[in-house]
PDB file of all heavy atoms in Angstrom:
ATOM      1  N   ARG A   1       0.831  -1.149   0.039  1.00  0.00           N
ATOM      2  CA  ARG A   1       0.031  -0.026  -0.049  1.00  0.00           C
ATOM      3  C   ARG A   1       0.827   1.262   0.110  1.00  0.00           C
ATOM      4  O   ARG A   1       0.719   2.132  -0.886  1.00  0.00           O
ATOM      5  CB  ARG A   1      -1.026   0.017   1.198  1.00  0.00           C
ATOM      6  CG  ARG A   1      -1.972   1.162   1.258  1.00  0.00           C
ATOM      7  CD  ARG A   1      -2.788   1.112   2.481  1.00  0.00           C
ATOM      8  NE  ARG A   1      -3.621  -0.004   2.613  1.00  0.00           N
ATOM      9  CZ  ARG A   1      -4.763  -0.202   1.962  1.00  0.00           C
ATOM     10  NH1 ARG A   1      -5.239   0.839   1.338  1.00  0.00           N
ATOM     11  NH2 ARG A   1      -5.398  -1.324   2.101  1.00  0.00           N
ATOM     12  N   GLN A   2       1.839   1.267   0.919  1.00  0.00           N
ATOM     13  CA  GLN A   2       2.772   2.390   0.885  1.00  0.00           C
ATOM     14  C   GLN A   2       3.603   2.554  -0.328  1.00  0.00           C
ATOM     15  O   GLN A   2       3.808   3.720  -0.838  1.00  0.00           O
ATOM     16  CB  GLN A   2       3.648   2.202   2.078  1.00  0.00           C
ATOM     17  CG  GLN A   2       4.844   3.224   2.209  1.00  0.00           C
ATOM     18  CD  GLN A   2       6.111   2.650   1.535  1.00  0.00           C
ATOM     19  OE1 GLN A   2       6.354   1.385   1.525  1.00  0.00           O
ATOM     20  NE2 GLN A   2       6.996   3.530   1.063  1.00  0.00           N
ATOM     21  N   TYR A   3       3.988   1.328  -0.903  1.00  0.00           N
ATOM     22  CA  TYR A   3       4.819   1.465  -2.146  1.00  0.00           C
ATOM     23  C   TYR A   3       4.033   1.979  -3.381  1.00  0.00           C
ATOM     24  O   TYR A   3       4.527   2.926  -4.058  1.00  0.00           O
ATOM     25  CB  TYR A   3       5.241   0.021  -2.504  1.00  0.00           C
ATOM     26  CG  TYR A   3       5.998  -0.039  -3.760  1.00  0.00           C
ATOM     27  CD1 TYR A   3       7.387   0.330  -3.782  1.00  0.00           C
ATOM     28  CD2 TYR A   3       5.349  -0.506  -4.963  1.00  0.00           C
ATOM     29  CE1 TYR A   3       8.064   0.243  -5.108  1.00  0.00           C
ATOM     30  CE2 TYR A   3       6.038  -0.512  -6.145  1.00  0.00           C
ATOM     31  CZ  TYR A   3       7.444  -0.150  -6.186  1.00  0.00           C
ATOM     32  OH  TYR A   3       8.141  -0.246  -7.446  1.00  0.00           O
ATOM     33  N   LEU A   4       2.802   1.576  -3.457  1.00  0.00           N
ATOM     34  CA  LEU A   4       1.911   2.194  -4.580  1.00  0.00           C
ATOM     35  C   LEU A   4       1.680   3.661  -4.416  1.00  0.00           C
ATOM     36  O   LEU A   4       1.604   4.385  -5.347  1.00  0.00           O
ATOM     37  CB  LEU A   4       0.703   1.498  -4.625  1.00  0.00           C
ATOM     38  CG  LEU A   4       0.681  -0.130  -5.238  1.00  0.00           C
ATOM     39  CD1 LEU A   4      -0.626  -0.770  -5.103  1.00  0.00           C
ATOM     40  CD2 LEU A   4       1.199   0.015  -6.585  1.00  0.00           C
ATOM     41  N   ALA A   5       1.301   4.151  -3.127  1.00  0.00           N
ATOM     42  CA  ALA A   5       1.118   5.406  -2.946  1.00  0.00           C
ATOM     43  C   ALA A   5       2.299   6.364  -3.239  1.00  0.00           C
ATOM     44  O   ALA A   5       2.251   7.384  -3.908  1.00  0.00           O
ATOM     45  CB  ALA A   5       0.670   5.679  -1.360  1.00  0.00           C
ATOM     46  N   ALA A   6       3.516   5.796  -2.915  1.00  0.00           N
ATOM     47  CA  ALA A   6       4.754   6.481  -3.256  1.00  0.00           C
ATOM     48  C   ALA A   6       4.949   6.494  -4.752  1.00  0.00           C
ATOM     49  O   ALA A   6       5.341   7.528  -5.387  1.00  0.00           O
ATOM     50  CB  ALA A   6       5.840   5.853  -2.594  1.00  0.00           C
ATOM     51  N   ALA A   7       4.669   5.429  -5.430  1.00  0.00           N
ATOM     52  CA  ALA A   7       4.936   5.338  -6.849  1.00  0.00           C
ATOM     53  C   ALA A   7       3.930   6.363  -7.627  1.00  0.00           C
ATOM     54  O   ALA A   7       4.353   6.950  -8.646  1.00  0.00           O
ATOM     55  CB  ALA A   7       4.627   3.880  -7.372  1.00  0.00           C
ATOM     56  N   PHE A   8       2.613   6.298  -7.170  1.00  0.00           N
ATOM     57  CA  PHE A   8       1.578   7.144  -7.927  1.00  0.00           C
ATOM     58  C   PHE A   8       1.990   8.651  -7.526  1.00  0.00           C
ATOM     59  O   PHE A   8       1.508   9.515  -8.291  1.00  0.00           O
ATOM     60  CB  PHE A   8       0.193   6.839  -7.433  1.00  0.00           C
ATOM     61  CG  PHE A   8      -0.310   5.717  -8.307  1.00  0.00           C
ATOM     62  CD1 PHE A   8      -0.531   4.461  -7.706  1.00  0.00           C
ATOM     63  CD2 PHE A   8      -0.869   5.928  -9.555  1.00  0.00           C
ATOM     64  CE1 PHE A   8      -1.034   3.398  -8.436  1.00  0.00           C
ATOM     65  CE2 PHE A   8      -1.429   4.923 -10.247  1.00  0.00           C
ATOM     66  CZ  PHE A   8      -1.452   3.665  -9.700  1.00  0.00           C
ATOM     67  N   ALA A   9       2.706   8.936  -6.501  1.00  0.00           N
ATOM     68  CA  ALA A   9       3.057  10.343  -6.132  1.00  0.00           C
ATOM     69  C   ALA A   9       4.152  10.980  -7.086  1.00  0.00           C
ATOM     70  O   ALA A   9       4.303  12.123  -7.032  1.00  0.00           O
ATOM     71  CB  ALA A   9       3.382  10.407  -4.646  1.00  0.00           C
ATOM     72  N   VAL A  10       4.963  10.126  -7.714  1.00  0.00           N
ATOM     73  CA  VAL A  10       5.883  10.599  -8.596  1.00  0.00           C
ATOM     74  C   VAL A  10       5.256  11.283  -9.801  1.00  0.00           C
ATOM     75  O   VAL A  10       4.316  10.717 -10.502  1.00  0.00           O
ATOM     76  CB  VAL A  10       6.756   9.468  -9.130  1.00  0.00           C
ATOM     77  CG1 VAL A  10       7.836  10.008 -10.176  1.00  0.00           C
ATOM     78  CG2 VAL A  10       7.457   8.754  -8.046  1.00  0.00           C
ATOM     79  N   PRO A  11       5.565  12.584 -10.114  1.00  0.00           N
ATOM     80  CA  PRO A  11       4.793  13.363 -11.132  1.00  0.00           C
ATOM     81  C   PRO A  11       4.650  12.639 -12.496  1.00  0.00           C
ATOM     82  O   PRO A  11       3.658  12.631 -13.156  1.00  0.00           O
ATOM     83  CB  PRO A  11       5.546  14.676 -11.211  1.00  0.00           C
ATOM     84  CG  PRO A  11       6.067  14.834  -9.817  1.00  0.00           C
ATOM     85  CD  PRO A  11       6.461  13.452  -9.382  1.00  0.00           C
ATOM     86  N   ALA A  12       5.718  11.978 -12.995  1.00  0.00           N
ATOM     87  CA  ALA A  12       5.810  11.328 -14.247  1.00  0.00           C
ATOM     88  C   ALA A  12       4.881  10.117 -14.183  1.00  0.00           C
ATOM     89  O   ALA A  12       4.086   9.840 -15.109  1.00  0.00           O
ATOM     90  CB  ALA A  12       7.183  10.890 -14.702  1.00  0.00           C
ATOM     91  N   ASN A  13       4.832   9.372 -13.018  1.00  0.00           N
ATOM     92  CA  ASN A  13       3.874   8.296 -12.968  1.00  0.00           C
ATOM     93  C   ASN A  13       2.377   8.714 -12.857  1.00  0.00           C
ATOM     94  O   ASN A  13       1.575   8.175 -13.456  1.00  0.00           O
ATOM     95  CB  ASN A  13       4.234   7.477 -11.693  1.00  0.00           C
ATOM     96  CG  ASN A  13       5.528   6.757 -11.844  1.00  0.00           C
ATOM     97  OD1 ASN A  13       6.151   6.606 -12.875  1.00  0.00           O
ATOM     98  ND2 ASN A  13       6.115   6.285 -10.570  1.00  0.00           N
ATOM     99  N   ARG A  14       2.260   9.803 -12.189  1.00  0.00           N
ATOM    100  CA  ARG A  14       0.910  10.369 -12.094  1.00  0.00           C
ATOM    101  C   ARG A  14       0.336  10.769 -13.414  1.00  0.00           C
ATOM    102  O   ARG A  14      -0.785  10.489 -13.886  1.00  0.00           O
ATOM    103  CB  ARG A  14       0.876  11.573 -11.139  1.00  0.00           C
ATOM    104  CG  ARG A  14      -0.345  12.445 -11.180  1.00  0.00           C
ATOM    105  CD  ARG A  14      -1.725  11.834 -10.980  1.00  0.00           C
ATOM    106  NE  ARG A  14      -1.680  10.730  -9.997  1.00  0.00           N
ATOM    107  CZ  ARG A  14      -2.413   9.676 -10.048  1.00  0.00           C
ATOM    108  NH1 ARG A  14      -3.250   9.444 -11.121  1.00  0.00           N
ATOM    109  NH2 ARG A  14      -2.302   8.736  -8.995  1.00  0.00           N
ATOM    110  N   ALA A  15       1.149  11.464 -14.244  1.00  0.00           N
ATOM    111  CA  ALA A  15       0.756  11.921 -15.652  1.00  0.00           C
ATOM    112  C   ALA A  15       0.517  10.692 -16.439  1.00  0.00           C
ATOM    113  O   ALA A  15      -0.564  10.655 -17.160  1.00  0.00           O
ATOM    114  CB  ALA A  15       1.750  12.767 -16.197  1.00  0.00           C
ATOM    115  N   ARG A  16       1.466   9.502 -16.357  1.00  0.00           N
ATOM    116  CA  ARG A  16       1.134   8.360 -17.223  1.00  0.00           C
ATOM    117  C   ARG A  16      -0.064   7.726 -16.738  1.00  0.00           C
ATOM    118  O   ARG A  16      -0.864   7.147 -17.627  1.00  0.00           O
ATOM    119  CB  ARG A  16       2.353   7.432 -16.863  1.00  0.00           C
ATOM    120  CG  ARG A  16       2.212   6.213 -17.608  1.00  0.00           C
ATOM    121  CD  ARG A  16       2.225   6.280 -19.159  1.00  0.00           C
ATOM    122  NE  ARG A  16       2.208   5.104 -19.828  1.00  0.00           N
ATOM    123  CZ  ARG A  16       1.673   4.778 -20.935  1.00  0.00           C
ATOM    124  NH1 ARG A  16       0.995   5.788 -21.614  1.00  0.00           N
ATOM    125  NH2 ARG A  16       1.687   3.622 -21.542  1.00  0.00           N
ATOM    126  N   ALA A  17      -0.429   7.645 -15.402  1.00  0.00           N
ATOM    127  CA  ALA A  17      -1.656   6.924 -14.949  1.00  0.00           C
ATOM    128  C   ALA A  17      -2.741   7.660 -15.523  1.00  0.00           C
ATOM    129  O   ALA A  17      -3.788   6.950 -15.966  1.00  0.00           O
ATOM    130  CB  ALA A  17      -1.600   6.920 -13.450  1.00  0.00           C
ATOM    131  N   GLU A  18      -2.842   8.867 -15.514  1.00  0.00           N
ATOM    132  CA  GLU A  18      -3.994   9.679 -15.990  1.00  0.00           C
ATOM    133  C   GLU A  18      -4.097   9.486 -17.506  1.00  0.00           C
ATOM    134  O   GLU A  18      -5.351   9.335 -17.976  1.00  0.00           O
ATOM    135  CB  GLU A  18      -3.855  11.219 -15.559  1.00  0.00           C
ATOM    136  CG  GLU A  18      -3.938  11.448 -14.211  1.00  0.00           C
ATOM    137  CD  GLU A  18      -3.728  12.794 -13.765  1.00  0.00           C
ATOM    138  OE1 GLU A  18      -3.520  13.654 -14.734  1.00  0.00           O
ATOM    139  OE2 GLU A  18      -3.721  13.126 -12.614  1.00  0.00           O
ATOM    140  N   ALA A  19      -3.053   9.434 -18.228  1.00  0.00           N
ATOM    141  CA  ALA A  19      -3.122   9.221 -19.657  1.00  0.00           C
ATOM    142  C   ALA A  19      -3.585   7.794 -20.030  1.00  0.00           C
ATOM    143  O   ALA A  19      -4.534   7.681 -20.916  1.00  0.00           O
ATOM    144  CB  ALA A  19      -1.773   9.394 -20.333  1.00  0.00           C
ATOM    145  N   VAL A  20      -3.179   6.797 -19.295  1.00  0.00           N
ATOM    146  CA  VAL A  20      -3.615   5.412 -19.541  1.00  0.00           C
ATOM    147  C   VAL A  20      -5.100   5.323 -19.085  1.00  0.00           C
ATOM    148  O   VAL A  20      -5.852   4.611 -19.935  1.00  0.00           O
ATOM    149  CB  VAL A  20      -2.795   4.448 -18.674  1.00  0.00           C
ATOM    150  CG1 VAL A  20      -3.354   2.978 -18.658  1.00  0.00           C
ATOM    151  CG2 VAL A  20      -1.259   4.403 -19.213  1.00  0.00           C
ATOM    152  N   PHE A  21      -5.509   5.916 -18.048  1.00  0.00           N
ATOM    153  CA  PHE A  21      -6.958   5.824 -17.698  1.00  0.00           C
ATOM    154  C   PHE A  21      -7.746   6.395 -18.771  1.00  0.00           C
ATOM    155  O   PHE A  21      -8.852   5.771 -19.157  1.00  0.00           O
ATOM    156  CB  PHE A  21      -7.250   6.616 -16.440  1.00  0.00           C
ATOM    157  CG  PHE A  21      -8.681   6.874 -16.169  1.00  0.00           C
ATOM    158  CD1 PHE A  21      -9.460   5.772 -15.732  1.00  0.00           C
ATOM    159  CD2 PHE A  21      -9.337   8.098 -16.270  1.00  0.00           C
ATOM    160  CE1 PHE A  21     -10.722   5.966 -15.532  1.00  0.00           C
ATOM    161  CE2 PHE A  21     -10.554   8.342 -16.008  1.00  0.00           C
ATOM    162  CZ  PHE A  21     -11.470   7.123 -15.620  1.00  0.00           C
ATOM    163  N   ALA A  22      -7.433   7.523 -19.483  1.00  0.00           N
ATOM    164  CA  ALA A  22      -8.284   8.226 -20.384  1.00  0.00           C
ATOM    165  C   ALA A  22      -8.150   7.268 -21.715  1.00  0.00           C
ATOM    166  O   ALA A  22      -9.230   7.078 -22.375  1.00  0.00           O
ATOM    167  CB  ALA A  22      -7.658   9.505 -20.800  1.00  0.00           C
ATOM    168  N   GLU A  23      -7.105   6.574 -22.073  1.00  0.00           N
ATOM    169  CA  GLU A  23      -6.975   5.737 -23.194  1.00  0.00           C
ATOM    170  C   GLU A  23      -7.879   4.470 -22.985  1.00  0.00           C
ATOM    171  O   GLU A  23      -8.555   4.023 -23.938  1.00  0.00           O
ATOM    172  CB  GLU A  23      -5.487   5.230 -23.393  1.00  0.00           C
ATOM    173  CG  GLU A  23      -4.665   6.400 -23.841  1.00  0.00           C
ATOM    174  CD  GLU A  23      -3.197   5.947 -23.997  1.00  0.00           C
ATOM    175  OE1 GLU A  23      -2.898   4.765 -23.652  1.00  0.00           O
ATOM    176  OE2 GLU A  23      -2.274   6.744 -24.158  1.00  0.00           O
ATOM    177  N   LEU A  24      -7.865   3.899 -21.788  1.00  0.00           N
ATOM    178  CA  LEU A  24      -8.647   2.722 -21.545  1.00  0.00           C
ATOM    179  C   LEU A  24     -10.213   3.075 -21.466  1.00  0.00           C
ATOM    180  O   LEU A  24     -11.026   2.253 -21.964  1.00  0.00           O
ATOM    181  CB  LEU A  24      -8.301   2.142 -20.269  1.00  0.00           C
ATOM    182  CG  LEU A  24      -6.913   1.565 -20.168  1.00  0.00           C
ATOM    183  CD1 LEU A  24      -6.694   0.860 -18.783  1.00  0.00           C
ATOM    184  CD2 LEU A  24      -6.558   0.666 -21.406  1.00  0.00           C
ATOM    185  N   ALA A  25     -10.535   4.376 -21.023  1.00  0.00           N
ATOM    186  CA  ALA A  25     -12.022   4.787 -21.053  1.00  0.00           C
ATOM    187  C   ALA A  25     -12.366   4.888 -22.427  1.00  0.00           C
ATOM    188  O   ALA A  25     -13.584   4.355 -22.826  1.00  0.00           O
ATOM    189  CB  ALA A  25     -11.984   6.094 -20.306  1.00  0.00           C
ATOM    190  N   ALA A  26     -11.473   5.359 -23.326  1.00  0.00           N
ATOM    191  CA  ALA A  26     -11.878   5.527 -24.776  1.00  0.00           C
ATOM    192  C   ALA A  26     -12.103   4.114 -25.455  1.00  0.00           C
ATOM    193  O   ALA A  26     -12.985   3.858 -26.191  1.00  0.00           O
ATOM    194  CB  ALA A  26     -10.909   6.359 -25.488  1.00  0.00           C
TER     195      ALA A  26
END
């Protein structure tokens, strides 16, 4: 849980996660 929270907090990872979410939604 702590590891994932830290990983998602990295700005590049956060931007990538948001981009992937949008792609999968489409």
